Amino acid sequence: MAQKEIGKVNHWYDKAQVAVVKLSGGIKVGDKIKVQKGDSEFEETVSSMQVDHKAVSSGKKGDEVAIRLSQKTKEGAVIYSAE
């Protein structure tokens, strides 16, 4: 099954462990995602998401959302749907 790309990491805030993601598809809190950069990849469930420092429950194509991640990533990492 082909992976469905839903966004790319534009910025990574190390202390807050938050990735700013430019979405190319829809995403919502509770979705399972896969974060991949080179050989590094991990899966995670979206637990919280913000737009302009306000909590949101979903994002659509074209939005820039901030997602808290449990592991480090880098700018340019690709976010896939893991479901």
N, C-alpha and C. Protein backbone atom coordinates (compact mmCIF):
# COMPACT_ATOMS: atom_id res chain seq x y z
N MET A 1 0.84 -1.18 0.00
CA MET A 1 0.00 0.00 0.00
C MET A 1 0.89 1.25 0.00
N ALA A 2 0.61 2.18 -0.88
CA ALA A 2 1.39 3.41 -0.97
C ALA A 2 1.07 4.31 0.22
N GLN A 3 2.12 4.95 0.71
CA GLN A 3 1.93 5.88 1.83
C GLN A 3 1.36 7.18 1.29
N LYS A 4 0.46 7.78 2.06
CA LYS A 4 -0.14 9.04 1.66
C LYS A 4 0.55 10.19 2.40
N GLU A 5 1.27 11.02 1.63
CA GLU A 5 1.94 12.16 2.24
C GLU A 5 0.91 13.21 2.64
N ILE A 6 1.02 13.70 3.89
CA ILE A 6 0.08 14.72 4.34
C ILE A 6 0.76 16.02 4.72
N GLY A 7 2.10 16.08 4.63
CA GLY A 7 2.76 17.34 4.92
C GLY A 7 4.26 17.22 5.05
N LYS A 8 4.91 18.40 5.20
CA LYS A 8 6.36 18.47 5.40
C LYS A 8 6.64 19.40 6.57
N VAL A 9 7.68 19.06 7.33
CA VAL A 9 8.08 19.88 8.46
C VAL A 9 8.84 21.11 7.95
N ASN A 10 8.31 22.30 8.23
CA ASN A 10 8.97 23.56 7.86
C ASN A 10 9.93 24.03 8.94
N HIS A 11 9.58 23.75 10.20
CA HIS A 11 10.41 24.21 11.31
C HIS A 11 10.27 23.25 12.48
N TRP A 12 11.36 23.10 13.23
CA TRP A 12 11.37 22.23 14.41
C TRP A 12 11.80 23.05 15.62
N TYR A 13 10.96 23.08 16.66
CA TYR A 13 11.29 23.76 17.91
C TYR A 13 11.76 22.69 18.90
N ASP A 14 13.07 22.66 19.14
CA ASP A 14 13.68 21.59 19.92
C ASP A 14 13.19 21.56 21.37
N LYS A 15 13.19 22.71 22.06
CA LYS A 15 12.80 22.74 23.48
C LYS A 15 11.35 22.34 23.66
N ALA A 16 10.47 22.83 22.81
CA ALA A 16 9.04 22.53 22.93
C ALA A 16 8.67 21.19 22.30
N GLN A 17 9.60 20.61 21.50
CA GLN A 17 9.36 19.37 20.75
C GLN A 17 8.12 19.50 19.86
N VAL A 18 8.09 20.62 19.12
CA VAL A 18 6.95 20.92 18.25
C VAL A 18 7.45 21.08 16.82
N ALA A 19 6.74 20.45 15.89
CA ALA A 19 7.03 20.58 14.47
C ALA A 19 5.97 21.46 13.82
N VAL A 20 6.40 22.44 13.03
CA VAL A 20 5.47 23.23 12.23
C VAL A 20 5.38 22.53 10.88
N VAL A 21 4.17 22.11 10.52
CA VAL A 21 3.97 21.29 9.33
C VAL A 21 3.10 22.02 8.32
N LYS A 22 3.58 22.13 7.07
CA LYS A 22 2.78 22.66 5.96
C LYS A 22 2.04 21.46 5.38
N LEU A 23 0.70 21.50 5.48
CA LEU A 23 -0.10 20.35 5.10
C LEU A 23 -0.37 20.28 3.59
N SER A 24 -0.25 19.07 3.05
CA SER A 24 -0.64 18.82 1.66
C SER A 24 -1.85 17.89 1.64
N GLY A 25 -2.37 17.59 2.83
CA GLY A 25 -3.56 16.76 2.99
C GLY A 25 -4.17 17.06 4.35
N GLY A 26 -5.29 16.45 4.64
CA GLY A 26 -5.98 16.69 5.91
C GLY A 26 -5.41 15.86 7.05
N ILE A 27 -5.55 16.40 8.26
CA ILE A 27 -5.10 15.70 9.47
C ILE A 27 -5.97 16.16 10.63
N LYS A 28 -6.17 15.26 11.59
CA LYS A 28 -6.93 15.65 12.78
C LYS A 28 -6.34 15.00 14.02
N VAL A 29 -6.66 15.57 15.18
CA VAL A 29 -6.20 15.01 16.44
C VAL A 29 -6.73 13.58 16.53
N GLY A 30 -5.85 12.66 16.93
CA GLY A 30 -6.20 11.24 17.01
C GLY A 30 -5.70 10.43 15.83
N ASP A 31 -5.32 11.12 14.73
CA ASP A 31 -4.78 10.41 13.57
C ASP A 31 -3.41 9.83 13.89
N LYS A 32 -3.12 8.68 13.28
CA LYS A 32 -1.78 8.11 13.38
C LYS A 32 -0.97 8.64 12.20
N ILE A 33 0.26 9.10 12.52
CA ILE A 33 1.13 9.62 11.47
C ILE A 33 2.48 8.92 11.53
N LYS A 34 3.20 8.98 10.42
CA LYS A 34 4.58 8.51 10.37
C LYS A 34 5.44 9.69 9.97
N VAL A 35 6.51 9.92 10.72
CA VAL A 35 7.44 11.01 10.45
C VAL A 35 8.71 10.38 9.89
N GLN A 36 9.15 10.83 8.70
CA GLN A 36 10.29 10.20 8.06
C GLN A 36 11.25 11.26 7.52
N LYS A 37 12.54 11.11 7.88
CA LYS A 37 13.60 11.97 7.37
C LYS A 37 14.81 11.08 7.18
N GLY A 38 15.17 10.81 5.93
CA GLY A 38 16.28 9.90 5.65
C GLY A 38 15.97 8.51 6.18
N ASP A 39 16.90 7.94 6.94
CA ASP A 39 16.72 6.61 7.52
C ASP A 39 15.92 6.65 8.82
N SER A 40 15.71 7.83 9.34
CA SER A 40 15.02 7.99 10.62
C SER A 40 13.51 8.06 10.38
N GLU A 41 12.77 7.23 11.10
CA GLU A 41 11.30 7.30 11.02
C GLU A 41 10.68 6.78 12.31
N PHE A 42 9.52 7.33 12.63
CA PHE A 42 8.77 6.86 13.80
C PHE A 42 7.30 7.15 13.57
N GLU A 43 6.47 6.40 14.29
CA GLU A 43 5.02 6.60 14.21
C GLU A 43 4.53 7.23 15.50
N GLU A 44 3.46 7.97 15.38
CA GLU A 44 2.92 8.70 16.52
C GLU A 44 1.45 8.98 16.29
N THR A 45 0.70 9.12 17.38
CA THR A 45 -0.69 9.57 17.29
C THR A 45 -0.71 11.06 17.60
N VAL A 46 -1.39 11.83 16.77
CA VAL A 46 -1.46 13.28 16.97
C VAL A 46 -2.28 13.54 18.23
N SER A 47 -1.62 14.11 19.26
CA SER A 47 -2.30 14.34 20.53
C SER A 47 -2.78 15.78 20.67
N SER A 48 -2.08 16.71 20.02
CA SER A 48 -2.51 18.10 20.04
C SER A 48 -1.99 18.82 18.81
N MET A 49 -2.74 19.83 18.41
CA MET A 49 -2.40 20.58 17.20
C MET A 49 -2.82 22.02 17.42
N GLN A 50 -2.00 22.95 16.91
CA GLN A 50 -2.32 24.37 17.04
C GLN A 50 -2.12 25.10 15.73
N VAL A 51 -2.93 26.14 15.54
CA VAL A 51 -2.74 27.10 14.45
C VAL A 51 -2.72 28.47 15.11
N ASP A 52 -1.66 29.24 14.87
CA ASP A 52 -1.51 30.57 15.49
C ASP A 52 -1.70 30.52 17.01
N HIS A 53 -1.09 29.54 17.66
CA HIS A 53 -1.10 29.37 19.13
C HIS A 53 -2.50 29.09 19.69
N LYS A 54 -3.43 28.66 18.85
CA LYS A 54 -4.77 28.28 19.31
C LYS A 54 -4.99 26.80 18.99
N ALA A 55 -5.51 26.07 19.98
CA ALA A 55 -5.75 24.64 19.78
C ALA A 55 -6.82 24.43 18.71
N VAL A 56 -6.56 23.48 17.81
CA VAL A 56 -7.53 23.11 16.78
C VAL A 56 -7.64 21.59 16.77
N SER A 57 -8.75 21.08 16.24
CA SER A 57 -8.93 19.63 16.21
C SER A 57 -8.57 19.03 14.85
N SER A 58 -8.41 19.90 13.82
CA SER A 58 -8.06 19.38 12.50
C SER A 58 -7.40 20.46 11.67
N GLY A 59 -6.72 20.02 10.61
CA GLY A 59 -6.11 20.93 9.66
C GLY A 59 -6.38 20.42 8.26
N LYS A 60 -6.40 21.32 7.30
CA LYS A 60 -6.67 20.93 5.91
C LYS A 60 -5.51 21.32 5.01
N LYS A 61 -5.55 20.84 3.79
CA LYS A 61 -4.51 21.13 2.81
C LYS A 61 -4.26 22.63 2.74
N GLY A 62 -2.97 23.02 2.80
CA GLY A 62 -2.60 24.42 2.73
C GLY A 62 -2.37 25.06 4.09
N ASP A 63 -2.90 24.46 5.16
CA ASP A 63 -2.70 25.00 6.52
C ASP A 63 -1.28 24.75 7.00
N GLU A 64 -0.83 25.59 7.92
CA GLU A 64 0.40 25.34 8.66
C GLU A 64 0.00 25.09 10.10
N VAL A 65 0.28 23.89 10.58
CA VAL A 65 -0.11 23.52 11.94
C VAL A 65 1.12 23.15 12.75
N ALA A 66 1.03 23.36 14.06
CA ALA A 66 2.09 22.95 14.99
C ALA A 66 1.63 21.68 15.68
N ILE A 67 2.48 20.65 15.62
CA ILE A 67 2.15 19.35 16.20
C ILE A 67 3.26 18.98 17.18
N ARG A 68 2.87 18.63 18.40
CA ARG A 68 3.86 18.17 19.39
C ARG A 68 4.21 16.72 19.08
N LEU A 69 5.52 16.43 19.07
CA LEU A 69 6.00 15.08 18.79
C LEU A 69 6.80 14.56 19.97
N SER A 70 6.83 13.25 20.14
CA SER A 70 7.55 12.64 21.26
C SER A 70 9.03 12.45 20.95
N GLN A 71 9.37 12.49 19.65
CA GLN A 71 10.77 12.30 19.25
C GLN A 71 11.21 13.47 18.39
N LYS A 72 12.54 13.66 18.32
CA LYS A 72 13.09 14.76 17.53
C LYS A 72 12.93 14.47 16.04
N THR A 73 12.78 15.55 15.29
CA THR A 73 12.82 15.45 13.83
C THR A 73 13.53 16.69 13.32
N LYS A 74 13.53 16.90 12.01
CA LYS A 74 14.23 18.03 11.43
C LYS A 74 13.39 18.65 10.33
N GLU A 75 13.76 19.87 9.95
CA GLU A 75 13.13 20.52 8.81
C GLU A 75 13.28 19.60 7.59
N GLY A 76 12.23 19.52 6.79
CA GLY A 76 12.27 18.70 5.59
C GLY A 76 11.73 17.29 5.79
N ALA A 77 11.49 16.89 7.05
CA ALA A 77 10.92 15.58 7.31
C ALA A 77 9.53 15.51 6.68
N VAL A 78 9.18 14.34 6.18
CA VAL A 78 7.89 14.16 5.52
C VAL A 78 6.95 13.45 6.50
N ILE A 79 5.70 13.95 6.55
CA ILE A 79 4.68 13.36 7.41
C ILE A 79 3.73 12.55 6.53
N TYR A 80 3.54 11.28 6.89
CA TYR A 80 2.62 10.41 6.16
C TYR A 80 1.50 9.98 7.08
N SER A 81 0.36 9.65 6.49
CA SER A 81 -0.72 9.02 7.23
C SER A 81 -0.29 7.58 7.50
N ALA A 82 -0.45 7.11 8.74
CA ALA A 82 -0.03 5.75 9.09
C ALA A 82 -1.23 4.84 9.24
N GLU A 83 -2.39 5.25 8.75
CA GLU A 83 -3.61 4.43 8.88
C GLU A 83 -3.99 3.81 7.57
